Full PDB file with SEQRES, HELIX, SHEET, SSBOND, CRYST1, ORIGX, SCALE, CONECT and MASTER records, all heavy atoms in Angstrom:
SEQRES   1 A   36  LEU GLN ALA SER GLY GLY GLY LEU ALA GLN ALA GLY GLY          
SEQRES   2 A   36  SER LEU ARG LEU SER CYS ALA THR SER GLY ARG MET VAL          
SEQRES   3 A   36  ARG HIS TYR VAL MET GLY TRP PHE ARG GLN                      
SHEET    1 AA1 2 GLN A   2  SER A   4  0                                        
SHEET    2 AA1 2 SER A  18  ALA A  20 -1                                        
CRYST1    1.000    1.000    1.000  90.00  90.00  90.00 P 1           1          
ORIGX1      1.000000  0.000000  0.000000        0.00000                         
ORIGX2      0.000000  1.000000  0.000000        0.00000                         
ORIGX3      0.000000  0.000000  1.000000        0.00000                         
SCALE1      1.000000  0.000000  0.000000        0.00000                         
SCALE2      0.000000  1.000000  0.000000        0.00000                         
SCALE3      0.000000  0.000000  1.000000        0.00000                         
ATOM      1  N   LEU A   1      24.319  21.461   3.477  1.00  0.00           N  
ATOM      2  CA  LEU A   1      25.129  22.272   2.589  1.00  0.00           C  
ATOM      3  C   LEU A   1      26.572  22.137   3.053  1.00  0.00           C  
ATOM      4  O   LEU A   1      26.867  22.351   4.237  1.00  0.00           O  
ATOM      5  CB  LEU A   1      24.698  23.736   2.640  1.00  0.00           C  
ATOM      6  CG  LEU A   1      23.503  24.166   1.782  1.00  0.00           C  
ATOM      7  CD1 LEU A   1      22.219  23.504   2.247  1.00  0.00           C  
ATOM      8  CD2 LEU A   1      23.349  25.675   1.788  1.00  0.00           C  
ATOM      9  N   GLN A   2      27.435  21.780   2.153  1.00  0.00           N  
ATOM     10  CA  GLN A   2      28.837  21.552   2.483  1.00  0.00           C  
ATOM     11  C   GLN A   2      29.703  22.569   1.754  1.00  0.00           C  
ATOM     12  O   GLN A   2      29.848  22.519   0.532  1.00  0.00           O  
ATOM     13  CB  GLN A   2      29.251  20.137   2.081  1.00  0.00           C  
ATOM     14  CG  GLN A   2      30.682  19.775   2.445  1.00  0.00           C  
ATOM     15  CD  GLN A   2      30.886  19.600   3.930  1.00  0.00           C  
ATOM     16  OE1 GLN A   2      30.037  19.052   4.630  1.00  0.00           O  
ATOM     17  NE2 GLN A   2      32.011  20.087   4.430  1.00  0.00           N  
ATOM     18  N   ALA A   3      30.280  23.485   2.526  1.00  0.00           N  
ATOM     19  CA  ALA A   3      31.148  24.510   1.944  1.00  0.00           C  
ATOM     20  C   ALA A   3      32.594  24.048   1.988  1.00  0.00           C  
ATOM     21  O   ALA A   3      33.022  23.406   2.949  1.00  0.00           O  
ATOM     22  CB  ALA A   3      30.993  25.817   2.695  1.00  0.00           C  
ATOM     23  N   SER A   4      33.340  24.392   0.952  1.00  0.00           N  
ATOM     24  CA  SER A   4      34.750  24.036   0.897  1.00  0.00           C  
ATOM     25  C   SER A   4      35.497  25.043   0.020  1.00  0.00           C  
ATOM     26  O   SER A   4      34.870  25.868  -0.651  1.00  0.00           O  
ATOM     27  CB  SER A   4      34.933  22.617   0.347  1.00  0.00           C  
ATOM     28  OG  SER A   4      34.403  22.538  -0.970  1.00  0.00           O  
ATOM     29  N   GLY A   5      36.821  24.937   0.035  1.00  0.00           N  
ATOM     30  CA  GLY A   5      37.632  25.762  -0.852  1.00  0.00           C  
ATOM     31  C   GLY A   5      38.320  26.940  -0.201  1.00  0.00           C  
ATOM     32  O   GLY A   5      39.075  27.652  -0.850  1.00  0.00           O  
ATOM     33  N   GLY A   6      38.075  27.153   1.071  1.00  0.00           N  
ATOM     34  CA  GLY A   6      38.740  28.254   1.739  1.00  0.00           C  
ATOM     35  C   GLY A   6      40.220  27.964   1.933  1.00  0.00           C  
ATOM     36  O   GLY A   6      40.704  26.888   1.626  1.00  0.00           O  
ATOM     37  N   GLY A   7      40.934  28.952   2.418  1.00  0.00           N  
ATOM     38  CA  GLY A   7      42.353  28.776   2.645  1.00  0.00           C  
ATOM     39  C   GLY A   7      43.044  30.109   2.819  1.00  0.00           C  
ATOM     40  O   GLY A   7      42.409  31.120   3.111  1.00  0.00           O  
ATOM     41  N   LEU A   8      44.351  30.070   2.635  1.00  0.00           N  
ATOM     42  CA  LEU A   8      45.170  31.271   2.792  1.00  0.00           C  
ATOM     43  C   LEU A   8      45.577  31.788   1.417  1.00  0.00           C  
ATOM     44  O   LEU A   8      45.994  31.013   0.556  1.00  0.00           O  
ATOM     45  CB  LEU A   8      46.424  30.934   3.597  1.00  0.00           C  
ATOM     46  CG  LEU A   8      47.450  32.039   3.793  1.00  0.00           C  
ATOM     47  CD1 LEU A   8      46.853  33.165   4.615  1.00  0.00           C  
ATOM     48  CD2 LEU A   8      48.696  31.479   4.480  1.00  0.00           C  
ATOM     49  N   ALA A   9      45.415  33.079   1.208  1.00  0.00           N  
ATOM     50  CA  ALA A   9      45.806  33.699  -0.059  1.00  0.00           C  
ATOM     51  C   ALA A   9      46.473  35.034   0.228  1.00  0.00           C  
ATOM     52  O   ALA A   9      46.247  35.643   1.278  1.00  0.00           O  
ATOM     53  CB  ALA A   9      44.577  33.897  -0.954  1.00  0.00           C  
ATOM     54  N   GLN A  10      47.286  35.462  -0.701  1.00  0.00           N  
ATOM     55  CA  GLN A  10      47.899  36.779  -0.587  1.00  0.00           C  
ATOM     56  C   GLN A  10      46.972  37.824  -1.174  1.00  0.00           C  
ATOM     57  O   GLN A  10      46.118  37.514  -2.019  1.00  0.00           O  
ATOM     58  CB  GLN A  10      49.243  36.804  -1.317  1.00  0.00           C  
ATOM     59  CG  GLN A  10      50.314  35.966  -0.653  1.00  0.00           C  
ATOM     60  CD  GLN A  10      51.670  36.154  -1.306  1.00  0.00           C  
ATOM     61  OE1 GLN A  10      51.753  36.446  -2.496  1.00  0.00           O  
ATOM     62  NE2 GLN A  10      52.734  35.993  -0.527  1.00  0.00           N  
ATOM     63  N   ALA A  11      47.142  39.048  -0.744  1.00  0.00           N  
ATOM     64  CA  ALA A  11      46.367  40.137  -1.312  1.00  0.00           C  
ATOM     65  C   ALA A  11      46.577  40.166  -2.817  1.00  0.00           C  
ATOM     66  O   ALA A  11      47.705  40.031  -3.301  1.00  0.00           O  
ATOM     67  CB  ALA A  11      46.786  41.461  -0.692  1.00  0.00           C  
ATOM     68  N   GLY A  12      45.468  40.304  -3.532  1.00  0.00           N  
ATOM     69  CA  GLY A  12      45.513  40.270  -4.984  1.00  0.00           C  
ATOM     70  C   GLY A  12      45.313  38.889  -5.566  1.00  0.00           C  
ATOM     71  O   GLY A  12      45.156  38.746  -6.781  1.00  0.00           O  
ATOM     72  N   GLY A  13      45.338  37.889  -4.714  1.00  0.00           N  
ATOM     73  CA  GLY A  13      45.185  36.517  -5.159  1.00  0.00           C  
ATOM     74  C   GLY A  13      43.733  36.108  -5.323  1.00  0.00           C  
ATOM     75  O   GLY A  13      42.820  36.933  -5.220  1.00  0.00           O  
ATOM     76  N   SER A  14      43.542  34.807  -5.559  1.00  0.00           N  
ATOM     77  CA  SER A  14      42.209  34.281  -5.818  1.00  0.00           C  
ATOM     78  C   SER A  14      41.968  32.988  -5.049  1.00  0.00           C  
ATOM     79  O   SER A  14      42.899  32.245  -4.730  1.00  0.00           O  
ATOM     80  CB  SER A  14      42.038  33.992  -7.313  1.00  0.00           C  
ATOM     81  OG  SER A  14      42.185  35.157  -8.091  1.00  0.00           O  
ATOM     82  N   LEU A  15      40.712  32.743  -4.766  1.00  0.00           N  
ATOM     83  CA  LEU A  15      40.248  31.484  -4.195  1.00  0.00           C  
ATOM     84  C   LEU A  15      38.899  31.161  -4.815  1.00  0.00           C  
ATOM     85  O   LEU A  15      38.179  32.060  -5.262  1.00  0.00           O  
ATOM     86  CB  LEU A  15      40.103  31.571  -2.677  1.00  0.00           C  
ATOM     87  CG  LEU A  15      41.373  31.592  -1.826  1.00  0.00           C  
ATOM     88  CD1 LEU A  15      41.027  31.884  -0.367  1.00  0.00           C  
ATOM     89  CD2 LEU A  15      42.126  30.278  -1.928  1.00  0.00           C  
ATOM     90  N   ARG A  16      38.553  29.894  -4.800  1.00  0.00           N  
ATOM     91  CA  ARG A  16      37.244  29.480  -5.294  1.00  0.00           C  
ATOM     92  C   ARG A  16      36.562  28.640  -4.233  1.00  0.00           C  
ATOM     93  O   ARG A  16      37.088  27.590  -3.842  1.00  0.00           O  
ATOM     94  CB  ARG A  16      37.377  28.669  -6.577  1.00  0.00           C  
ATOM     95  CG  ARG A  16      36.044  28.358  -7.264  1.00  0.00           C  
ATOM     96  CD  ARG A  16      36.241  27.310  -8.322  1.00  0.00           C  
ATOM     97  NE  ARG A  16      35.104  27.160  -9.213  1.00  0.00           N  
ATOM     98  CZ  ARG A  16      34.783  26.016  -9.809  1.00  0.00           C  
ATOM     99  NH1 ARG A  16      35.536  24.948  -9.622  1.00  0.00           N  
ATOM    100  NH2 ARG A  16      33.748  25.961 -10.624  1.00  0.00           N  
ATOM    101  N   LEU A  17      35.421  29.096  -3.794  1.00  0.00           N  
ATOM    102  CA  LEU A  17      34.639  28.368  -2.804  1.00  0.00           C  
ATOM    103  C   LEU A  17      33.550  27.563  -3.495  1.00  0.00           C  
ATOM    104  O   LEU A  17      33.015  27.980  -4.520  1.00  0.00           O  
ATOM    105  CB  LEU A  17      34.009  29.346  -1.810  1.00  0.00           C  
ATOM    106  CG  LEU A  17      34.937  30.355  -1.134  1.00  0.00           C  
ATOM    107  CD1 LEU A  17      34.145  31.183  -0.124  1.00  0.00           C  
ATOM    108  CD2 LEU A  17      36.114  29.676  -0.476  1.00  0.00           C  
ATOM    109  N   SER A  18      33.232  26.414  -2.907  1.00  0.00           N  
ATOM    110  CA  SER A  18      32.166  25.572  -3.426  1.00  0.00           C  
ATOM    111  C   SER A  18      31.172  25.275  -2.318  1.00  0.00           C  
ATOM    112  O   SER A  18      31.547  25.209  -1.141  1.00  0.00           O  
ATOM    113  CB  SER A  18      32.725  24.249  -3.954  1.00  0.00           C  
ATOM    114  OG  SER A  18      33.644  24.457  -4.993  1.00  0.00           O  
ATOM    115  N   CYS A  19      29.927  25.073  -2.703  1.00  0.00           N  
ATOM    116  CA  CYS A  19      28.893  24.699  -1.748  1.00  0.00           C  
ATOM    117  C   CYS A  19      28.023  23.638  -2.398  1.00  0.00           C  
ATOM    118  O   CYS A  19      27.299  23.925  -3.359  1.00  0.00           O  
ATOM    119  CB  CYS A  19      28.066  25.907  -1.353  1.00  0.00           C  
ATOM    120  SG  CYS A  19      26.705  25.521  -0.226  1.00  0.00           S  
ATOM    121  N   ALA A  20      28.115  22.423  -1.896  1.00  0.00           N  
ATOM    122  CA  ALA A  20      27.352  21.310  -2.437  1.00  0.00           C  
ATOM    123  C   ALA A  20      26.163  20.997  -1.540  1.00  0.00           C  
ATOM    124  O   ALA A  20      26.283  21.039  -0.312  1.00  0.00           O  
ATOM    125  CB  ALA A  20      28.248  20.069  -2.553  1.00  0.00           C  
ATOM    126  N   THR A  21      25.047  20.680  -2.163  1.00  0.00           N  
ATOM    127  CA  THR A  21      23.846  20.355  -1.393  1.00  0.00           C  
ATOM    128  C   THR A  21      23.600  18.854  -1.435  1.00  0.00           C  
ATOM    129  O   THR A  21      23.938  18.179  -2.412  1.00  0.00           O  
ATOM    130  CB  THR A  21      22.621  21.076  -1.949  1.00  0.00           C  
ATOM    131  OG1 THR A  21      22.380  20.639  -3.297  1.00  0.00           O  
ATOM    132  CG2 THR A  21      22.836  22.581  -1.966  1.00  0.00           C  
ATOM    133  N   SER A  22      22.987  18.343  -0.384  1.00  0.00           N  
ATOM    134  CA  SER A  22      22.642  16.928  -0.332  1.00  0.00           C  
ATOM    135  C   SER A  22      21.526  16.740   0.675  1.00  0.00           C  
ATOM    136  O   SER A  22      21.151  17.664   1.400  1.00  0.00           O  
ATOM    137  CB  SER A  22      23.856  16.090   0.063  1.00  0.00           C  
ATOM    138  OG  SER A  22      24.294  16.428   1.370  1.00  0.00           O  
ATOM    139  N   GLY A  23      21.004  15.522   0.719  1.00  0.00           N  
ATOM    140  CA  GLY A  23      19.961  15.212   1.687  1.00  0.00           C  
ATOM    141  C   GLY A  23      18.582  15.317   1.077  1.00  0.00           C  
ATOM    142  O   GLY A  23      18.392  15.085  -0.110  1.00  0.00           O  
ATOM    143  N   ARG A  24      17.630  15.687   1.899  1.00  0.00           N  
ATOM    144  CA  ARG A  24      16.227  15.768   1.475  1.00  0.00           C  
ATOM    145  C   ARG A  24      16.088  16.683   0.261  1.00  0.00           C  
ATOM    146  O   ARG A  24      16.729  17.727   0.170  1.00  0.00           O  
ATOM    147  CB  ARG A  24      15.383  16.301   2.640  1.00  0.00           C  
ATOM    148  CG  ARG A  24      13.917  16.467   2.335  1.00  0.00           C  
ATOM    149  CD  ARG A  24      13.132  16.774   3.609  1.00  0.00           C  
ATOM    150  NE  ARG A  24      13.544  18.000   4.234  1.00  0.00           N  
ATOM    151  CZ  ARG A  24      13.018  19.195   3.964  1.00  0.00           C  
ATOM    152  NH1 ARG A  24      12.086  19.305   3.035  1.00  0.00           N  
ATOM    153  NH2 ARG A  24      13.430  20.280   4.606  1.00  0.00           N  
ATOM    154  N   MET A  25      15.246  16.262  -0.659  1.00  0.00           N  
ATOM    155  CA  MET A  25      15.067  17.049  -1.873  1.00  0.00           C  
ATOM    156  C   MET A  25      14.304  18.332  -1.556  1.00  0.00           C  
ATOM    157  O   MET A  25      13.183  18.290  -1.063  1.00  0.00           O  
ATOM    158  CB  MET A  25      14.291  16.247  -2.903  1.00  0.00           C  
ATOM    159  CG  MET A  25      15.096  15.126  -3.526  1.00  0.00           C  
ATOM    160  SD  MET A  25      16.477  15.760  -4.484  1.00  0.00           S  
ATOM    161  CE  MET A  25      15.612  16.549  -5.817  1.00  0.00           C  
ATOM    162  N   VAL A  26      14.953  19.445  -1.785  1.00  0.00           N  
ATOM    163  CA  VAL A  26      14.295  20.734  -1.642  1.00  0.00           C  
ATOM    164  C   VAL A  26      14.642  21.563  -2.868  1.00  0.00           C  
ATOM    165  O   VAL A  26      15.603  21.283  -3.569  1.00  0.00           O  
ATOM    166  CB  VAL A  26      14.743  21.473  -0.364  1.00  0.00           C  
ATOM    167  CG1 VAL A  26      14.405  20.669   0.870  1.00  0.00           C  
ATOM    168  CG2 VAL A  26      16.223  21.792  -0.414  1.00  0.00           C  
ATOM    169  N   ARG A  27      13.869  22.567  -3.069  1.00  0.00           N  
ATOM    170  CA  ARG A  27      14.151  23.485  -4.171  1.00  0.00           C  
ATOM    171  C   ARG A  27      14.940  24.664  -3.612  1.00  0.00           C  
ATOM    172  O   ARG A  27      14.391  25.524  -2.933  1.00  0.00           O  
ATOM    173  CB  ARG A  27      12.846  23.972  -4.804  1.00  0.00           C  
ATOM    174  CG  ARG A  27      12.043  22.851  -5.461  1.00  0.00           C  
ATOM    175  CD  ARG A  27      10.827  23.407  -6.182  1.00  0.00           C  
ATOM    176  NE  ARG A  27      10.015  22.344  -6.755  1.00  0.00           N  
ATOM    177  CZ  ARG A  27      10.235  21.807  -7.942  1.00  0.00           C  
ATOM    178  NH1 ARG A  27      11.228  22.251  -8.682  1.00  0.00           N  
ATOM    179  NH2 ARG A  27       9.466  20.842  -8.405  1.00  0.00           N  
ATOM    180  N   HIS A  28      16.224  24.647  -3.882  1.00  0.00           N  
ATOM    181  CA  HIS A  28      17.080  25.738  -3.410  1.00  0.00           C  
ATOM    182  C   HIS A  28      16.933  26.908  -4.373  1.00  0.00           C  
ATOM    183  O   HIS A  28      17.800  27.150  -5.213  1.00  0.00           O  
ATOM    184  CB  HIS A  28      18.530  25.273  -3.328  1.00  0.00           C  
ATOM    185  CG  HIS A  28      18.740  24.103  -2.407  1.00  0.00           C  
ATOM    186  ND1 HIS A  28      18.891  24.250  -1.042  1.00  0.00           N  
ATOM    187  CD2 HIS A  28      18.815  22.777  -2.661  1.00  0.00           C  
ATOM    188  CE1 HIS A  28      19.062  23.062  -0.506  1.00  0.00           C  
ATOM    189  NE2 HIS A  28      19.008  22.141  -1.445  1.00  0.00           N  
ATOM    190  N   TYR A  29      15.808  27.622  -4.250  1.00  0.00           N  
ATOM    191  CA  TYR A  29      15.501  28.665  -5.213  1.00  0.00           C  
ATOM    192  C   TYR A  29      16.514  29.799  -5.195  1.00  0.00           C  
ATOM    193  O   TYR A  29      16.765  30.417  -6.221  1.00  0.00           O  
ATOM    194  CB  TYR A  29      14.110  29.213  -4.979  1.00  0.00           C  
ATOM    195  CG  TYR A  29      13.009  28.369  -5.561  1.00  0.00           C  
ATOM    196  CD1 TYR A  29      11.741  28.360  -4.998  1.00  0.00           C  
ATOM    197  CD2 TYR A  29      13.231  27.579  -6.677  1.00  0.00           C  
ATOM    198  CE1 TYR A  29      10.720  27.586  -5.546  1.00  0.00           C  
ATOM    199  CE2 TYR A  29      12.230  26.802  -7.225  1.00  0.00           C  
ATOM    200  CZ  TYR A  29      10.974  26.811  -6.659  1.00  0.00           C  
ATOM    201  OH  TYR A  29       9.990  26.044  -7.197  1.00  0.00           O  
ATOM    202  N   VAL A  30      17.068  30.078  -4.062  1.00  0.00           N  
ATOM    203  CA  VAL A  30      18.135  31.068  -3.974  1.00  0.00           C  
ATOM    204  C   VAL A  30      19.259  30.484  -3.132  1.00  0.00           C  
ATOM    205  O   VAL A  30      19.018  29.932  -2.066  1.00  0.00           O  
ATOM    206  CB  VAL A  30      17.656  32.381  -3.331  1.00  0.00           C  
ATOM    207  CG1 VAL A  30      18.803  33.404  -3.297  1.00  0.00           C  
ATOM    208  CG2 VAL A  30      16.471  32.954  -4.081  1.00  0.00           C  
ATOM    209  N   MET A  31      20.461  30.592  -3.644  1.00  0.00           N  
ATOM    210  CA  MET A  31      21.636  30.179  -2.869  1.00  0.00           C  
ATOM    211  C   MET A  31      22.559  31.379  -2.725  1.00  0.00           C  
ATOM    212  O   MET A  31      22.757  32.134  -3.680  1.00  0.00           O  
ATOM    213  CB  MET A  31      22.359  29.018  -3.527  1.00  0.00           C  
ATOM    214  CG  MET A  31      21.524  27.747  -3.563  1.00  0.00           C  
ATOM    215  SD  MET A  31      22.461  26.272  -3.943  1.00  0.00           S  
ATOM    216  CE  MET A  31      23.405  26.056  -2.429  1.00  0.00           C  
ATOM    217  N   GLY A  32      23.091  31.521  -1.534  1.00  0.00           N  
ATOM    218  CA  GLY A  32      23.899  32.697  -1.280  1.00  0.00           C  
ATOM    219  C   GLY A  32      25.125  32.405  -0.447  1.00  0.00           C  
ATOM    220  O   GLY A  32      25.288  31.299   0.081  1.00  0.00           O  
ATOM    221  N   TRP A  33      25.970  33.398  -0.378  1.00  0.00           N  
ATOM    222  CA  TRP A  33      27.162  33.346   0.469  1.00  0.00           C  
ATOM    223  C   TRP A  33      27.133  34.529   1.443  1.00  0.00           C  
ATOM    224  O   TRP A  33      26.805  35.653   1.056  1.00  0.00           O  
ATOM    225  CB  TRP A  33      28.432  33.423  -0.375  1.00  0.00           C  
ATOM    226  CG  TRP A  33      28.715  32.193  -1.159  1.00  0.00           C  
ATOM    227  CD1 TRP A  33      28.355  31.932  -2.443  1.00  0.00           C  
ATOM    228  CD2 TRP A  33      29.426  31.035  -0.710  1.00  0.00           C  
ATOM    229  NE1 TRP A  33      28.794  30.691  -2.829  1.00  0.00           N  
ATOM    230  CE2 TRP A  33      29.468  30.113  -1.782  1.00  0.00           C  
ATOM    231  CE3 TRP A  33      30.062  30.678   0.479  1.00  0.00           C  
ATOM    232  CZ2 TRP A  33      30.094  28.871  -1.692  1.00  0.00           C  
ATOM    233  CZ3 TRP A  33      30.682  29.453   0.567  1.00  0.00           C  
ATOM    234  CH2 TRP A  33      30.694  28.563  -0.514  1.00  0.00           C  
ATOM    235  N   PHE A  34      27.458  34.220   2.674  1.00  0.00           N  
ATOM    236  CA  PHE A  34      27.619  35.225   3.707  1.00  0.00           C  
ATOM    237  C   PHE A  34      29.027  35.076   4.282  1.00  0.00           C  
ATOM    238  O   PHE A  34      29.681  34.055   4.073  1.00  0.00           O  
ATOM    239  CB  PHE A  34      26.593  35.025   4.829  1.00  0.00           C  
ATOM    240  CG  PHE A  34      25.185  35.351   4.436  1.00  0.00           C  
ATOM    241  CD1 PHE A  34      24.456  34.515   3.585  1.00  0.00           C  
ATOM    242  CD2 PHE A  34      24.557  36.496   4.905  1.00  0.00           C  
ATOM    243  CE1 PHE A  34      23.159  34.815   3.216  1.00  0.00           C  
ATOM    244  CE2 PHE A  34      23.265  36.805   4.547  1.00  0.00           C  
ATOM    245  CZ  PHE A  34      22.560  35.965   3.704  1.00  0.00           C  
ATOM    246  N   ARG A  35      29.473  36.068   5.009  1.00  0.00           N  
ATOM    247  CA  ARG A  35      30.770  35.954   5.678  1.00  0.00           C  
ATOM    248  C   ARG A  35      30.722  36.641   7.032  1.00  0.00           C  
ATOM    249  O   ARG A  35      29.936  37.561   7.251  1.00  0.00           O  
ATOM    250  CB  ARG A  35      31.885  36.545   4.818  1.00  0.00           C  
ATOM    251  CG  ARG A  35      31.800  38.054   4.609  1.00  0.00           C  
ATOM    252  CD  ARG A  35      32.883  38.517   3.639  1.00  0.00           C  
ATOM    253  NE  ARG A  35      32.857  39.965   3.434  1.00  0.00           N  
ATOM    254  CZ  ARG A  35      33.613  40.607   2.547  1.00  0.00           C  
ATOM    255  NH1 ARG A  35      34.477  39.925   1.783  1.00  0.00           N  
ATOM    256  NH2 ARG A  35      33.515  41.907   2.423  1.00  0.00           N  
ATOM    257  N   GLN A  36      31.584  36.150   7.913  1.00  0.00           N  
ATOM    258  CA  GLN A  36      31.637  36.713   9.250  1.00  0.00           C  
ATOM    259  C   GLN A  36      33.087  36.831   9.682  1.00  0.00           C  
ATOM    260  O   GLN A  36      33.791  35.825   9.811  1.00  0.00           O  
ATOM    261  CB  GLN A  36      30.861  35.833  10.235  1.00  0.00           C  
ATOM    262  CG  GLN A  36      30.723  36.432  11.614  1.00  0.00           C  
ATOM    263  CD  GLN A  36      29.707  35.688  12.462  1.00  0.00           C  
ATOM    264  OE1 GLN A  36      29.308  34.558  12.155  1.00  0.00           O  
ATOM    265  NE2 GLN A  36      29.246  36.334  13.525  1.00  0.00           N  
TER     266      GLN A  36                                                      
MASTER        0    0    0    0    2    0    0    6  265    1    0    3          
END                                                                             
């Protein structure tokens, strides 16, 4: 899973994150985002 799209934004602004899958064929029945 390859996440991208992060960066610096001002309060009130917007960003768009992407997560692309590759490799062995699996059924990604649920995809989610976490943060730390």
